[in-house]
């Protein structure tokens, strides 16, 4: 065998090695994606299990929607009976859009 034959064999072996390396790299990438997907699924299952345990131990809540009493009643100096808030009381609502959100109770 002459030198050209060995050069050709070496070139073919190098090309085969490059293809094998590319396939191995693709397999590693595919496995990492599968592992990431499996981790996401196991985290979702663990979160759902924790939520169901919390829901099982939660107290039963009943919500009734009624008109609020207005003006709201304030405690008296010694507790009961309840009376109206003083007319000078300033109401602050955190959900209002302005920074200085206050309003006076309706009369």
N, C-alpha and C. Protein backbone atom coordinates (compact mmCIF):
# COMPACT_ATOMS: atom_id res chain seq x y z
N UNK A 1 0.84 -1.17 0.00
CA UNK A 1 0.00 0.00 0.00
C UNK A 1 0.89 1.24 0.00
N UNK A 2 0.50 2.13 -0.83
CA UNK A 2 1.31 3.33 -0.92
C UNK A 2 0.75 4.43 0.00
N UNK A 3 1.41 5.57 -0.04
CA UNK A 3 1.05 6.66 0.87
C UNK A 3 -0.30 7.27 0.54
N UNK A 4 -0.70 7.30 -0.71
CA UNK A 4 -2.00 7.85 -1.10
C UNK A 4 -3.14 7.01 -0.55
N UNK A 5 -2.95 5.71 -0.49
CA UNK A 5 -3.98 4.83 0.06
C UNK A 5 -4.17 5.10 1.55
N UNK A 6 -3.04 5.23 2.26
CA UNK A 6 -3.15 5.51 3.70
C UNK A 6 -3.74 6.89 3.96
N UNK A 7 -3.48 7.83 3.10
CA UNK A 7 -4.07 9.17 3.23
C UNK A 7 -5.58 9.10 3.03
N UNK A 8 -6.00 8.33 2.04
CA UNK A 8 -7.44 8.17 1.78
C UNK A 8 -8.11 7.46 2.95
N UNK A 9 -7.48 6.41 3.47
CA UNK A 9 -8.05 5.69 4.62
C UNK A 9 -8.13 6.61 5.83
N UNK A 10 -7.11 7.42 6.01
CA UNK A 10 -7.10 8.37 7.13
C UNK A 10 -8.20 9.41 6.97
N UNK A 11 -8.43 9.88 5.76
CA UNK A 11 -9.48 10.87 5.50
C UNK A 11 -10.87 10.28 5.77
N UNK A 12 -11.07 9.03 5.33
CA UNK A 12 -12.35 8.36 5.57
C UNK A 12 -12.56 8.15 7.06
N UNK A 13 -11.52 7.73 7.76
CA UNK A 13 -11.63 7.52 9.21
C UNK A 13 -11.92 8.83 9.94
N UNK A 14 -11.29 9.92 9.50
CA UNK A 14 -11.53 11.22 10.12
C UNK A 14 -12.97 11.67 9.88
N UNK A 15 -13.47 11.46 8.66
CA UNK A 15 -14.85 11.82 8.35
C UNK A 15 -15.83 10.99 9.16
N UNK A 16 -15.54 9.69 9.28
CA UNK A 16 -16.42 8.81 10.08
C UNK A 16 -16.38 9.23 11.54
N UNK A 17 -15.22 9.63 12.03
CA UNK A 17 -15.10 10.08 13.41
C UNK A 17 -15.89 11.37 13.63
N UNK A 18 -15.84 12.27 12.64
CA UNK A 18 -16.59 13.53 12.75
C UNK A 18 -18.09 13.27 12.75
N UNK A 19 -18.54 12.36 11.91
CA UNK A 19 -19.98 12.03 11.87
C UNK A 19 -20.40 11.39 13.19
N UNK A 20 -19.58 10.48 13.70
CA UNK A 20 -19.89 9.83 14.97
C UNK A 20 -19.93 10.85 16.11
N UNK A 21 -19.01 11.80 16.10
CA UNK A 21 -18.98 12.84 17.12
C UNK A 21 -20.23 13.71 17.03
N UNK A 22 -20.64 14.06 15.82
CA UNK A 22 -21.85 14.87 15.64
C UNK A 22 -23.08 14.11 16.12
N UNK A 23 -23.16 12.82 15.81
CA UNK A 23 -24.31 12.02 16.27
C UNK A 23 -24.31 11.90 17.80
N UNK A 24 -23.13 11.72 18.39
CA UNK A 24 -23.06 11.64 19.86
C UNK A 24 -23.47 12.96 20.49
N UNK A 25 -23.03 14.08 19.89
CA UNK A 25 -23.43 15.39 20.40
C UNK A 25 -24.95 15.57 20.31
N UNK A 26 -25.53 15.15 19.18
CA UNK A 26 -26.99 15.23 19.03
C UNK A 26 -27.71 14.38 20.07
N UNK A 27 -27.15 13.20 20.37
CA UNK A 27 -27.77 12.34 21.38
C UNK A 27 -27.70 12.98 22.75
N UNK A 28 -26.60 13.63 23.08
CA UNK A 28 -26.46 14.30 24.38
C UNK A 28 -27.45 15.46 24.49
N UNK A 29 -27.59 16.24 23.42
CA UNK A 29 -28.54 17.35 23.42
C UNK A 29 -29.97 16.82 23.59
N UNK A 30 -30.30 15.75 22.88
CA UNK A 30 -31.63 15.17 22.97
C UNK A 30 -31.89 14.65 24.40
N UNK A 31 -30.91 13.98 24.99
CA UNK A 31 -31.07 13.48 26.36
C UNK A 31 -31.24 14.63 27.36
N UNK A 32 -30.51 15.72 27.15
CA UNK A 32 -30.66 16.85 28.09
C UNK A 32 -32.04 17.47 27.97
N UNK A 33 -32.58 17.53 26.77
CA UNK A 33 -33.95 18.04 26.62
C UNK A 33 -34.96 17.11 27.27
N UNK A 34 -34.78 15.81 27.09
CA UNK A 34 -35.68 14.86 27.74
C UNK A 34 -35.58 14.96 29.26
N UNK A 35 -34.38 15.13 29.77
CA UNK A 35 -34.19 15.25 31.22
C UNK A 35 -34.84 16.52 31.74
N UNK A 36 -34.69 17.63 31.01
CA UNK A 36 -35.31 18.88 31.42
C UNK A 36 -36.83 18.76 31.42
N UNK A 37 -37.37 18.10 30.41
CA UNK A 37 -38.82 17.90 30.32
C UNK A 37 -39.31 17.03 31.48
N UNK A 38 -38.57 15.97 31.78
CA UNK A 38 -38.95 15.08 32.89
C UNK A 38 -38.87 15.81 34.22
N UNK A 39 -37.87 16.67 34.38
CA UNK A 39 -37.76 17.46 35.61
C UNK A 39 -38.94 18.40 35.76
N UNK A 40 -39.34 19.04 34.68
CA UNK A 40 -40.49 19.94 34.72
C UNK A 40 -41.76 19.19 35.10
N UNK A 41 -41.93 18.00 34.53
CA UNK A 41 -43.12 17.20 34.84
C UNK A 41 -43.09 16.76 36.30
N UNK A 42 -41.94 16.33 36.81
CA UNK A 42 -41.88 15.88 38.20
C UNK A 42 -42.09 17.05 39.16
N UNK A 43 -41.61 18.24 38.81
CA UNK A 43 -41.88 19.41 39.65
C UNK A 43 -43.36 19.75 39.66
N UNK A 44 -44.01 19.65 38.50
CA UNK A 44 -45.45 19.92 38.44
C UNK A 44 -46.24 18.92 39.27
N UNK A 45 -45.83 17.66 39.23
CA UNK A 45 -46.51 16.63 40.02
C UNK A 45 -46.31 16.89 41.51
N UNK A 46 -45.09 17.25 41.89
CA UNK A 46 -44.82 17.53 43.31
C UNK A 46 -45.61 18.74 43.78
N UNK A 47 -45.71 19.77 42.94
CA UNK A 47 -46.48 20.96 43.29
C UNK A 47 -47.96 20.63 43.41
N UNK A 48 -48.47 19.84 42.50
CA UNK A 48 -49.88 19.45 42.55
C UNK A 48 -50.17 18.61 43.80
N UNK A 49 -49.25 17.74 44.16
CA UNK A 49 -49.42 16.93 45.37
C UNK A 49 -49.44 17.82 46.61
N UNK A 50 -48.54 18.79 46.67
CA UNK A 50 -48.51 19.70 47.81
C UNK A 50 -49.79 20.53 47.88
N UNK A 51 -50.28 20.99 46.73
CA UNK A 51 -51.53 21.76 46.71
C UNK A 51 -52.70 20.92 47.18
N UNK A 52 -52.76 19.67 46.75
CA UNK A 52 -53.89 18.83 47.16
C UNK A 52 -53.84 18.55 48.66
N UNK A 53 -52.62 18.40 49.22
CA UNK A 53 -52.52 18.22 50.67
C UNK A 53 -52.97 19.47 51.41
N UNK A 54 -52.59 20.63 50.90
CA UNK A 54 -53.02 21.88 51.53
C UNK A 54 -54.53 22.06 51.40
N UNK A 55 -55.07 21.72 50.23
CA UNK A 55 -56.51 21.86 50.04
C UNK A 55 -57.29 20.92 50.94
N UNK A 56 -56.74 19.74 51.20
CA UNK A 56 -57.44 18.78 52.05
C UNK A 56 -57.53 19.27 53.48
N UNK A 57 -56.50 20.02 53.94
CA UNK A 57 -56.50 20.49 55.32
C UNK A 57 -57.08 21.88 55.48
N UNK A 58 -57.52 22.50 54.41
CA UNK A 58 -58.03 23.87 54.49
C UNK A 58 -59.44 23.88 55.08
N UNK A 59 -59.79 24.92 55.81
CA UNK A 59 -61.14 25.02 56.35
C UNK A 59 -62.14 25.34 55.23
N UNK A 60 -63.37 24.97 55.45
CA UNK A 60 -64.44 25.25 54.49
C UNK A 60 -64.81 26.73 54.61
N UNK A 61 -64.87 27.43 53.49
CA UNK A 61 -65.18 28.86 53.49
C UNK A 61 -66.43 29.10 52.66
N UNK A 62 -67.34 29.88 53.22
CA UNK A 62 -68.55 30.27 52.51
C UNK A 62 -68.52 31.78 52.35
N UNK A 63 -68.71 32.26 51.14
CA UNK A 63 -68.68 33.69 50.87
C UNK A 63 -70.08 34.12 50.44
N UNK A 64 -70.57 35.16 51.12
CA UNK A 64 -71.87 35.73 50.74
C UNK A 64 -71.63 37.16 50.30
N UNK A 65 -72.20 37.53 49.19
CA UNK A 65 -72.05 38.89 48.69
C UNK A 65 -73.27 39.69 49.10
N UNK A 66 -73.04 40.72 49.89
CA UNK A 66 -74.10 41.59 50.35
C UNK A 66 -73.64 43.03 50.24
N UNK A 67 -74.56 43.95 50.25
CA UNK A 67 -74.21 45.36 50.25
C UNK A 67 -73.55 45.70 51.58
N UNK A 68 -72.44 46.42 51.55
CA UNK A 68 -71.81 46.80 52.82
C UNK A 68 -72.61 47.89 53.52
N UNK A 69 -72.49 47.92 54.82
CA UNK A 69 -73.17 48.99 55.55
C UNK A 69 -72.37 50.28 55.35
N UNK A 70 -73.08 51.34 55.00
CA UNK A 70 -72.40 52.62 54.80
C UNK A 70 -73.17 53.69 55.50
N UNK A 71 -72.61 54.50 56.24
CA UNK A 71 -71.19 54.57 56.54
C UNK A 71 -70.80 53.43 57.47
N UNK A 72 -69.56 53.01 57.43
CA UNK A 72 -69.13 51.93 58.31
C UNK A 72 -69.21 52.37 59.76
N UNK A 73 -69.41 51.41 60.61
CA UNK A 73 -69.56 51.72 62.03
C UNK A 73 -68.22 51.59 62.74
N UNK A 74 -67.98 52.50 63.67
CA UNK A 74 -66.74 52.50 64.44
C UNK A 74 -67.02 52.04 65.85
N UNK A 75 -66.05 51.40 66.50
CA UNK A 75 -66.27 50.99 67.89
C UNK A 75 -66.35 52.23 68.79
N UNK A 76 -67.18 52.13 69.80
CA UNK A 76 -67.29 53.21 70.77
C UNK A 76 -66.06 53.18 71.67
N UNK A 77 -65.99 54.12 72.56
CA UNK A 77 -64.81 54.23 73.41
C UNK A 77 -64.60 52.97 74.25
N UNK A 78 -65.66 52.34 74.69
CA UNK A 78 -65.56 51.15 75.53
C UNK A 78 -66.01 49.89 74.79
N UNK A 79 -65.92 49.89 73.48
CA UNK A 79 -66.28 48.69 72.73
C UNK A 79 -67.64 48.80 72.09
N UNK A 80 -68.66 48.27 72.70
CA UNK A 80 -70.00 48.25 72.12
C UNK A 80 -70.84 49.32 72.76
N UNK A 81 -71.85 49.82 72.21
CA UNK A 81 -72.37 49.62 70.86
C UNK A 81 -71.58 50.41 69.83
N UNK A 82 -71.73 49.99 68.56
CA UNK A 82 -71.00 50.64 67.48
C UNK A 82 -71.71 51.92 67.07
N UNK A 83 -70.93 52.89 66.68
CA UNK A 83 -71.49 54.16 66.22
C UNK A 83 -70.83 54.58 64.94
N UNK A 84 -71.27 55.69 64.34
CA UNK A 84 -70.66 56.14 63.08
C UNK A 84 -69.25 56.70 63.32
N UNK A 85 -68.44 56.65 62.28
CA UNK A 85 -67.10 57.22 62.36
C UNK A 85 -67.21 58.73 62.46
N UNK A 86 -66.24 59.38 63.06
CA UNK A 86 -66.28 60.84 63.12
C UNK A 86 -66.23 61.43 61.71
N UNK A 87 -66.86 62.57 61.52
CA UNK A 87 -66.92 63.19 60.18
C UNK A 87 -65.54 63.63 59.71
N UNK A 88 -64.59 63.78 60.59
CA UNK A 88 -63.25 64.23 60.20
C UNK A 88 -62.34 63.08 59.81
N UNK A 89 -62.81 61.84 59.92
CA UNK A 89 -61.97 60.69 59.60
C UNK A 89 -61.68 60.64 58.10
N UNK A 90 -60.41 60.43 57.75
CA UNK A 90 -60.00 60.37 56.35
C UNK A 90 -59.82 58.90 55.96
N UNK A 91 -60.42 58.49 54.85
CA UNK A 91 -60.35 57.11 54.38
C UNK A 91 -59.27 57.01 53.32
N UNK A 92 -58.42 56.00 53.42
CA UNK A 92 -57.35 55.77 52.46
C UNK A 92 -57.56 54.40 51.82
N UNK A 93 -57.67 54.38 50.50
CA UNK A 93 -57.90 53.14 49.77
C UNK A 93 -56.65 52.80 48.96
N UNK A 94 -56.00 51.66 49.24
CA UNK A 94 -54.74 51.34 48.56
C UNK A 94 -54.91 51.06 47.07
N UNK A 95 -56.08 50.72 46.62
CA UNK A 95 -56.28 50.41 45.20
C UNK A 95 -56.52 51.63 44.35
N UNK A 96 -56.60 52.82 44.94
CA UNK A 96 -56.86 54.02 44.16
C UNK A 96 -55.63 54.35 43.31
N UNK A 97 -55.85 55.05 42.22
CA UNK A 97 -54.77 55.31 41.26
C UNK A 97 -53.90 56.50 41.65
N UNK A 98 -54.40 57.42 42.43
CA UNK A 98 -53.59 58.57 42.79
C UNK A 98 -52.83 58.28 44.07
N UNK A 99 -51.75 59.02 44.27
CA UNK A 99 -50.93 58.78 45.46
C UNK A 99 -51.60 59.33 46.71
N UNK A 100 -52.29 60.42 46.60
CA UNK A 100 -52.97 61.00 47.77
C UNK A 100 -54.46 60.63 47.69
N UNK A 101 -54.74 59.34 47.79
CA UNK A 101 -56.12 58.89 47.65
C UNK A 101 -56.80 58.87 49.01
N UNK A 102 -57.71 59.77 49.19
CA UNK A 102 -58.50 59.77 50.41
C UNK A 102 -59.87 60.30 50.07
N UNK A 103 -60.81 59.89 50.84
CA UNK A 103 -62.17 60.40 50.64
C UNK A 103 -62.82 60.49 52.00
N UNK A 104 -63.84 61.24 52.05
CA UNK A 104 -64.60 61.42 53.29
C UNK A 104 -65.79 60.47 53.26
N UNK A 105 -66.21 59.97 54.42
CA UNK A 105 -67.39 59.12 54.43
C UNK A 105 -68.62 59.91 53.98
N UNK A 106 -69.51 59.20 53.33
CA UNK A 106 -70.76 59.83 52.87
C UNK A 106 -71.67 60.12 54.05
N UNK A 107 -72.40 61.19 53.93
CA UNK A 107 -73.34 61.54 55.01
C UNK A 107 -74.73 61.11 54.64
